[in-house]
Amino acid sequence: MNRSLAIVLAVIVAFGGGGLWYSNQSPEPGPLLAAANAQDADIDTSGVLEMSIGNPDAKVTVIEYASFTCPHCKNFHANVLGELEKNYIDTGKINFVFREVYFDRFGLWAGIVARCGGPERYFGIADLIFEQQKEWSAGGDPAQIAANLRTIGKTAGITDEQLDVCMNDRENAQAMVLVYHQNSTVDEVRSTPSFVINGEKYSNMNYADFAAVIEEKLAE
């Protein structure tokens, strides 16, 4: 990682009953990042778990980079991922890794809520966030969006007390952004959804094209 790059969390906004949420004003891509001395950003990322489903020992590993605020990512989860689960993930043919991308603060907030339920609930909560993307992100009002995301978390069985802890965890939010930056830098991710399949990068695909790539990798 470039030594001049570290995490900046410029403004912390407290919402009633919602906890502390991170705001930013930068118009640049990846606006939660800014120039600073990385040595001063002594951030422990060990608690930011890799979220995956399928067979961890599979011959093929698919990594998806996606933002919870990305409409194309929502479409992928609605129209492609289900078929991949049925034919490749549930059958143990591939390991599927989901990595969050934070192009905006609301995507980070959604990631915090998705992770609040732990690895066992993560993909179920992620599905709800994508399914309800248009509803929870409507209007652009930060307080309302935070409340909407809390509602999704509670629907998934997370308590208000657990959400308060997650939403107030500044260190975890910093670590999540740092992990995102490290991974996306290594894999040169500039748009979402992007995929890395056995080390090779691909842009968004329909199911037929995706399956063809997986079958090719399985045959190698």
Foldseek 3Di string as FASTA:
>chain_A
DPQQKAFDQDDWDDAVLQATFGAFDDPDFLRRIDGHGHVVRPADLPPVDWAKAAAPPALKEKEWEAFLLDLLQLCCVVAAVVVCCVPDRVVRNYMYTYAYAPRHRLSLLLQLLLPLVPNVRNVVLSNVSSVCNCPLPPPPDVNSNSVSSVVSSVVSPDDSVSSNVSRHPPSNSSSSSVVNVVVCVVLVDDDPGWMAMPNRIDHDDGNVVVVVVSVVSSVD
